[in-house]
Amino acid sequence: MLMIKPWFTYIVQCSDSTLYTGITNDLERRLEEHNSGEKGAKYTRSRRPVKLVYREKFTCRTDAARREAAIKNMRVEDKKELLTS
C-alpha cells in the first residue's frame, strides 16, 4: 500500500516575536532547518531560534499552499487569534 506523506501549513514564532508561515511535508526536518541549517528561510535565519506555534495538516501540497497564502494575507491580530483558537 502506498503511503502518501501529508503536507503541513505551519507558523513559527521567531526570537523577536514575529511570525513566519510556511509549508512542508516534513515538519520536524523543516523546523531543524529553520533553527540550524542554511536551508532555513532567509527571514528566520537572523531571528533564531524559532518555535512551532501552529500547524494544519493537508493531504496535498496545493491545499497547504492555498492555506499558507490565506494566512499570509491575514492581519497580525487575526494570526494571533488563530494561534489561540
Protein backbone atom coordinates (compact mmCIF):
# COMPACT_ATOMS: atom_id res chain seq x y z
CA MET A 1 0.00 0.00 0.00
CA LEU A 2 1.33 3.42 -0.99
CA MET A 3 1.61 5.86 1.91
CA ILE A 4 1.19 9.48 0.92
CA LYS A 5 3.01 11.93 3.17
CA PRO A 6 0.78 14.69 4.49
CA TRP A 7 1.57 18.36 3.90
CA PHE A 8 1.54 20.95 6.65
CA THR A 9 0.94 24.67 6.76
CA TYR A 10 2.76 25.93 9.82
CA ILE A 11 3.55 29.08 11.76
CA VAL A 12 6.71 29.57 13.79
CA GLN A 13 7.37 32.33 16.26
CA CYS A 14 10.81 33.86 15.87
CA SER A 15 13.05 35.04 18.70
CA ASP A 16 11.91 38.65 18.05
CA SER A 17 8.24 37.52 18.45
CA THR A 18 7.46 37.89 14.74
CA LEU A 19 5.59 35.12 12.96
CA TYR A 20 6.68 33.19 9.86
CA THR A 21 4.30 30.99 7.85
CA GLY A 22 5.37 28.17 5.54
CA ILE A 23 4.52 24.72 4.15
CA THR A 24 6.36 21.40 4.25
CA ASN A 25 5.81 17.66 4.03
CA ASP A 26 8.34 17.02 6.83
CA LEU A 27 7.65 19.34 9.74
CA GLU A 28 10.42 18.07 12.02
CA ARG A 29 13.09 18.45 9.32
CA ARG A 30 11.85 21.90 8.36
CA LEU A 31 11.96 23.17 11.93
CA GLU A 32 15.52 21.87 12.23
CA GLU A 33 16.42 23.72 9.02
CA HIS A 34 14.91 26.94 10.33
CA ASN A 35 16.90 26.65 13.54
CA SER A 36 20.27 25.49 12.28
CA GLY A 37 20.78 24.95 8.58
CA GLU A 38 21.46 27.10 5.60
CA LYS A 39 18.20 25.77 4.13
CA GLY A 40 16.08 27.71 6.60
CA ALA A 41 14.13 30.65 5.23
CA LYS A 42 16.14 33.84 4.82
CA TYR A 43 13.64 35.60 7.10
CA THR A 44 14.19 33.20 10.00
CA ARG A 45 17.99 32.90 9.74
CA SER A 46 18.58 36.13 11.65
CA ARG A 47 15.69 35.50 14.05
CA ARG A 48 16.67 32.18 15.59
CA PRO A 49 15.63 30.22 17.47
CA VAL A 50 12.12 29.68 16.16
CA LYS A 51 9.41 27.60 17.79
CA LEU A 52 6.40 25.95 16.25
CA VAL A 53 3.19 27.65 17.39
CA TYR A 54 0.63 26.39 14.85
CA ARG A 55 0.13 23.69 12.23
CA GLU A 56 -2.59 22.36 9.95
CA LYS A 57 -2.43 19.03 8.11
CA PHE A 58 -3.42 18.56 4.45
CA THR A 59 -3.46 15.67 2.01
CA CYS A 60 -1.91 17.62 -0.86
CA ARG A 61 0.57 20.43 -1.47
CA THR A 62 -1.99 22.55 -3.31
CA ASP A 63 -4.31 22.79 -0.30
CA ALA A 64 -1.40 23.53 2.04
CA ALA A 65 -0.15 26.30 -0.27
CA ARG A 66 -3.61 27.86 -0.51
CA ARG A 67 -3.90 27.92 3.27
CA GLU A 68 -0.39 29.39 3.56
CA ALA A 69 -1.38 32.20 1.19
CA ALA A 70 -4.57 32.85 3.16
CA ILE A 71 -2.67 33.05 6.45
CA LYS A 72 0.00 35.32 4.97
CA ASN A 73 -2.77 37.70 3.88
CA MET A 74 -4.22 37.92 7.39
CA ARG A 75 -3.63 40.84 9.68
CA VAL A 76 -1.25 40.14 12.56
CA GLU A 77 -4.14 40.37 15.02
CA ASP A 78 -6.06 37.71 13.08
CA LYS A 79 -2.99 35.43 13.02
CA LYS A 80 -2.63 35.77 16.79
CA GLU A 81 -6.30 34.92 17.22
CA LEU A 82 -5.77 31.83 15.04
CA LEU A 83 -2.97 30.72 17.38
CA THR A 84 -5.26 30.84 20.41
CA SER A 85 -8.24 29.07 18.84
